[in-house]
Amino acid sequence: MHRELFEAHFVRGEDLEDVVVIDRHARNSDVDLIALHAALEKDSATNFVTETELIGRKYGVQGTPAWLLHQRLIAGLRPTPEFERLAEDTLQVPH
């Protein structure tokens, strides 16, 4: 799904804030559109994103993508083999 959305925005220039575009991608991913619209209307989705951003800032995240693995921050888009190596190295360090 993330690759599809990346290409939609950065390759095809789709507006990912447009409800029609959101619905199309959500439907293609078997998302419950009624639940999605309810979450968007109640601002629970926005509140979740805000809460998540605050947690990220607490750990030094300044951009995305970023992963926190065993208290180690891995930031930036990495090729899959490099990310897997970093993740495995992080998981092997005693905590």
N, C-alpha and C. Protein backbone atom coordinates (compact mmCIF):
# COMPACT_ATOMS: atom_id res chain seq x y z
N MET A 1 0.82 -1.19 0.00
CA MET A 1 0.00 0.00 0.00
C MET A 1 0.87 1.25 0.00
N HIS A 2 1.95 1.26 0.81
CA HIS A 2 2.78 2.46 0.88
C HIS A 2 3.40 2.79 -0.48
N ARG A 3 3.78 1.78 -1.22
CA ARG A 3 4.38 2.02 -2.54
C ARG A 3 3.34 2.63 -3.48
N GLU A 4 2.12 2.13 -3.42
CA GLU A 4 1.05 2.66 -4.26
C GLU A 4 0.79 4.13 -3.95
N LEU A 5 0.74 4.47 -2.66
CA LEU A 5 0.50 5.86 -2.27
C LEU A 5 1.67 6.75 -2.62
N PHE A 6 2.88 6.25 -2.47
CA PHE A 6 4.07 7.01 -2.86
C PHE A 6 4.01 7.34 -4.35
N GLU A 7 3.74 6.33 -5.15
CA GLU A 7 3.67 6.56 -6.60
C GLU A 7 2.50 7.47 -6.96
N ALA A 8 1.38 7.31 -6.28
CA ALA A 8 0.21 8.16 -6.55
C ALA A 8 0.57 9.62 -6.35
N HIS A 9 1.26 9.91 -5.28
CA HIS A 9 1.58 11.31 -4.97
C HIS A 9 2.77 11.82 -5.77
N PHE A 10 3.90 11.10 -5.70
CA PHE A 10 5.13 11.62 -6.26
C PHE A 10 5.31 11.34 -7.75
N VAL A 11 4.69 10.30 -8.26
CA VAL A 11 4.85 9.97 -9.68
C VAL A 11 3.69 10.52 -10.49
N ARG A 12 2.46 10.24 -10.03
CA ARG A 12 1.28 10.67 -10.79
C ARG A 12 0.73 12.01 -10.34
N GLY A 13 1.26 12.57 -9.25
CA GLY A 13 0.84 13.88 -8.79
C GLY A 13 -0.57 13.93 -8.24
N GLU A 14 -1.07 12.81 -7.72
CA GLU A 14 -2.42 12.79 -7.17
C GLU A 14 -2.46 13.55 -5.84
N ASP A 15 -3.57 14.20 -5.58
CA ASP A 15 -3.77 14.94 -4.33
C ASP A 15 -4.29 13.99 -3.28
N LEU A 16 -3.44 13.59 -2.35
CA LEU A 16 -3.83 12.61 -1.34
C LEU A 16 -4.71 13.20 -0.25
N GLU A 17 -5.07 14.48 -0.38
CA GLU A 17 -6.04 15.08 0.54
C GLU A 17 -7.43 15.15 -0.10
N ASP A 18 -7.53 14.80 -1.37
CA ASP A 18 -8.80 14.80 -2.09
C ASP A 18 -9.60 13.55 -1.68
N VAL A 19 -10.83 13.77 -1.20
CA VAL A 19 -11.65 12.66 -0.71
C VAL A 19 -11.87 11.59 -1.78
N VAL A 20 -12.04 11.98 -3.02
CA VAL A 20 -12.24 11.02 -4.10
C VAL A 20 -11.00 10.13 -4.25
N VAL A 21 -9.83 10.74 -4.18
CA VAL A 21 -8.57 9.99 -4.29
C VAL A 21 -8.40 9.08 -3.08
N ILE A 22 -8.68 9.61 -1.89
CA ILE A 22 -8.58 8.81 -0.66
C ILE A 22 -9.49 7.59 -0.76
N ASP A 23 -10.75 7.84 -1.15
CA ASP A 23 -11.71 6.74 -1.24
C ASP A 23 -11.27 5.68 -2.24
N ARG A 24 -10.73 6.11 -3.37
CA ARG A 24 -10.30 5.15 -4.39
C ARG A 24 -9.19 4.25 -3.85
N HIS A 25 -8.19 4.86 -3.22
CA HIS A 25 -7.08 4.07 -2.69
C HIS A 25 -7.54 3.21 -1.52
N ALA A 26 -8.41 3.74 -0.69
CA ALA A 26 -8.92 2.96 0.44
C ALA A 26 -9.72 1.76 -0.05
N ARG A 27 -10.57 2.00 -1.02
CA ARG A 27 -11.39 0.91 -1.58
C ARG A 27 -10.50 -0.17 -2.18
N ASN A 28 -9.45 0.26 -2.89
CA ASN A 28 -8.52 -0.70 -3.50
C ASN A 28 -7.75 -1.50 -2.45
N SER A 29 -7.71 -1.00 -1.23
CA SER A 29 -7.00 -1.68 -0.14
C SER A 29 -7.95 -2.36 0.83
N ASP A 30 -9.21 -2.48 0.41
CA ASP A 30 -10.25 -3.13 1.22
C ASP A 30 -10.47 -2.46 2.57
N VAL A 31 -10.31 -1.12 2.61
CA VAL A 31 -10.60 -0.36 3.83
C VAL A 31 -12.10 -0.13 3.91
N ASP A 32 -12.65 -0.22 5.10
CA ASP A 32 -14.07 0.05 5.34
C ASP A 32 -14.29 1.55 5.21
N LEU A 33 -14.90 1.98 4.11
CA LEU A 33 -15.06 3.40 3.84
C LEU A 33 -15.95 4.09 4.87
N ILE A 34 -16.96 3.40 5.37
CA ILE A 34 -17.83 4.00 6.39
C ILE A 34 -17.03 4.29 7.66
N ALA A 35 -16.22 3.33 8.08
CA ALA A 35 -15.40 3.53 9.28
C ALA A 35 -14.36 4.62 9.04
N LEU A 36 -13.78 4.63 7.84
CA LEU A 36 -12.80 5.66 7.50
C LEU A 36 -13.41 7.05 7.58
N HIS A 37 -14.57 7.23 6.96
CA HIS A 37 -15.23 8.54 6.97
C HIS A 37 -15.64 8.94 8.39
N ALA A 38 -16.08 7.98 9.18
CA ALA A 38 -16.45 8.27 10.57
C ALA A 38 -15.23 8.75 11.35
N ALA A 39 -14.10 8.09 11.16
CA ALA A 39 -12.87 8.49 11.85
C ALA A 39 -12.43 9.88 11.42
N LEU A 40 -12.54 10.16 10.13
CA LEU A 40 -12.15 11.48 9.63
C LEU A 40 -13.09 12.57 10.14
N GLU A 41 -14.38 12.27 10.22
CA GLU A 41 -15.35 13.26 10.71
C GLU A 41 -15.17 13.55 12.18
N LYS A 42 -14.84 12.54 12.97
CA LYS A 42 -14.68 12.71 14.42
C LYS A 42 -13.30 13.26 14.76
N ASP A 43 -12.46 13.43 13.78
CA ASP A 43 -11.08 13.87 13.98
C ASP A 43 -10.24 12.86 14.74
N SER A 44 -10.75 11.64 14.94
CA SER A 44 -9.95 10.66 15.67
C SER A 44 -8.69 10.29 14.88
N ALA A 45 -8.78 10.30 13.56
CA ALA A 45 -7.60 10.00 12.74
C ALA A 45 -6.57 11.12 12.89
N THR A 46 -7.03 12.35 12.84
CA THR A 46 -6.13 13.50 13.00
C THR A 46 -5.52 13.50 14.39
N ASN A 47 -6.34 13.21 15.40
CA ASN A 47 -5.83 13.18 16.77
C ASN A 47 -4.78 12.09 16.93
N PHE A 48 -4.99 10.94 16.29
CA PHE A 48 -4.03 9.84 16.36
C PHE A 48 -2.70 10.27 15.72
N VAL A 49 -2.76 10.92 14.57
CA VAL A 49 -1.54 11.38 13.90
C VAL A 49 -0.81 12.39 14.78
N THR A 50 -1.56 13.33 15.36
CA THR A 50 -0.94 14.33 16.23
C THR A 50 -0.26 13.68 17.43
N GLU A 51 -0.95 12.73 18.06
CA GLU A 51 -0.39 12.02 19.20
C GLU A 51 0.88 11.26 18.80
N THR A 52 0.84 10.63 17.65
CA THR A 52 1.99 9.88 17.16
C THR A 52 3.16 10.81 16.88
N GLU A 53 2.89 11.98 16.30
CA GLU A 53 3.96 12.94 16.04
C GLU A 53 4.61 13.41 17.34
N LEU A 54 3.82 13.63 18.37
CA LEU A 54 4.36 14.06 19.66
C LEU A 54 5.27 12.98 20.26
N ILE A 55 4.85 11.74 20.15
CA ILE A 55 5.68 10.64 20.63
C ILE A 55 6.98 10.58 19.84
N GLY A 56 6.88 10.75 18.52
CA GLY A 56 8.07 10.75 17.67
C GLY A 56 9.05 11.84 18.05
N ARG A 57 8.54 13.05 18.29
CA ARG A 57 9.42 14.16 18.68
C ARG A 57 10.14 13.86 19.99
N LYS A 58 9.44 13.19 20.90
CA LYS A 58 10.02 12.82 22.19
C LYS A 58 11.29 11.98 21.98
N TYR A 59 11.29 11.17 20.92
CA TYR A 59 12.43 10.30 20.63
C TYR A 59 13.36 10.88 19.57
N GLY A 60 13.16 12.14 19.20
CA GLY A 60 14.07 12.79 18.27
C GLY A 60 13.72 12.67 16.81
N VAL A 61 12.55 12.16 16.49
CA VAL A 61 12.15 12.04 15.09
C VAL A 61 11.86 13.44 14.55
N GLN A 62 12.51 13.77 13.45
CA GLN A 62 12.31 15.08 12.83
C GLN A 62 11.71 14.96 11.43
N GLY A 63 11.52 13.77 10.98
CA GLY A 63 10.96 13.54 9.65
C GLY A 63 10.62 12.08 9.47
N THR A 64 10.09 11.77 8.33
CA THR A 64 9.73 10.39 8.05
C THR A 64 10.44 9.94 6.78
N PRO A 65 10.63 8.67 6.63
CA PRO A 65 10.28 7.61 7.57
C PRO A 65 11.29 7.54 8.71
N ALA A 66 10.82 7.04 9.84
CA ALA A 66 11.68 6.84 11.01
C ALA A 66 11.14 5.66 11.81
N TRP A 67 12.05 4.86 12.33
CA TRP A 67 11.67 3.70 13.12
C TRP A 67 12.44 3.74 14.42
N LEU A 68 11.78 3.40 15.51
CA LEU A 68 12.43 3.30 16.80
C LEU A 68 12.48 1.82 17.16
N LEU A 69 13.68 1.26 17.17
CA LEU A 69 13.87 -0.15 17.48
C LEU A 69 14.75 -0.26 18.71
N HIS A 70 14.20 -0.78 19.79
CA HIS A 70 14.95 -0.96 21.03
C HIS A 70 15.70 0.32 21.41
N GLN A 71 14.97 1.42 21.40
CA GLN A 71 15.49 2.74 21.79
C GLN A 71 16.53 3.30 20.82
N ARG A 72 16.66 2.72 19.63
CA ARG A 72 17.56 3.26 18.61
C ARG A 72 16.71 3.81 17.47
N LEU A 73 16.98 5.06 17.10
CA LEU A 73 16.24 5.71 16.03
C LEU A 73 16.93 5.45 14.70
N ILE A 74 16.18 4.91 13.77
CA ILE A 74 16.66 4.73 12.40
C ILE A 74 15.83 5.66 11.54
N ALA A 75 16.47 6.69 11.01
CA ALA A 75 15.75 7.72 10.25
C ALA A 75 16.17 7.69 8.78
N GLY A 76 15.25 8.08 7.95
CA GLY A 76 15.53 8.19 6.52
C GLY A 76 15.14 6.95 5.74
N LEU A 77 14.84 7.19 4.48
CA LEU A 77 14.48 6.10 3.59
C LEU A 77 15.74 5.32 3.23
N ARG A 78 15.75 4.05 3.53
CA ARG A 78 16.92 3.20 3.30
C ARG A 78 16.56 2.08 2.35
N PRO A 79 17.51 1.63 1.55
CA PRO A 79 17.26 0.43 0.75
C PRO A 79 16.95 -0.74 1.69
N THR A 80 16.09 -1.63 1.25
CA THR A 80 15.65 -2.75 2.10
C THR A 80 16.81 -3.52 2.72
N PRO A 81 17.84 -3.91 1.96
CA PRO A 81 18.93 -4.67 2.60
C PRO A 81 19.63 -3.88 3.72
N GLU A 82 19.83 -2.58 3.51
CA GLU A 82 20.48 -1.76 4.54
C GLU A 82 19.59 -1.65 5.78
N PHE A 83 18.29 -1.43 5.57
CA PHE A 83 17.37 -1.33 6.71
C PHE A 83 17.35 -2.65 7.48
N GLU A 84 17.27 -3.76 6.77
CA GLU A 84 17.25 -5.07 7.44
C GLU A 84 18.52 -5.29 8.25
N ARG A 85 19.67 -4.89 7.70
CA ARG A 85 20.94 -5.04 8.43
C ARG A 85 20.93 -4.17 9.69
N LEU A 86 20.50 -2.90 9.56
CA LEU A 86 20.43 -2.01 10.72
C LEU A 86 19.49 -2.57 11.78
N ALA A 87 18.35 -3.07 11.34
CA ALA A 87 17.37 -3.62 12.29
C ALA A 87 17.95 -4.84 12.99
N GLU A 88 18.58 -5.73 12.25
CA GLU A 88 19.17 -6.93 12.87
C GLU A 88 20.29 -6.56 13.83
N ASP A 89 21.13 -5.58 13.44
CA ASP A 89 22.21 -5.13 14.33
C ASP A 89 21.62 -4.56 15.62
N THR A 90 20.57 -3.79 15.51
CA THR A 90 19.93 -3.17 16.66
C THR A 90 19.33 -4.24 17.58
N LEU A 91 18.70 -5.24 17.00
CA LEU A 91 18.07 -6.28 17.80
C LEU A 91 19.08 -7.18 18.51
N GLN A 92 20.33 -7.22 18.00
CA GLN A 92 21.35 -8.07 18.62
C GLN A 92 22.08 -7.38 19.77
N VAL A 93 21.96 -6.07 19.87
CA VAL A 93 22.64 -5.33 20.95
C VAL A 93 21.87 -5.56 22.25
N PRO A 94 22.56 -5.96 23.33
CA PRO A 94 21.86 -6.16 24.60
C PRO A 94 21.25 -4.85 25.11
N HIS A 95 20.03 -4.95 25.65
CA HIS A 95 19.34 -3.75 26.16
C HIS A 95 19.02 -3.91 27.62
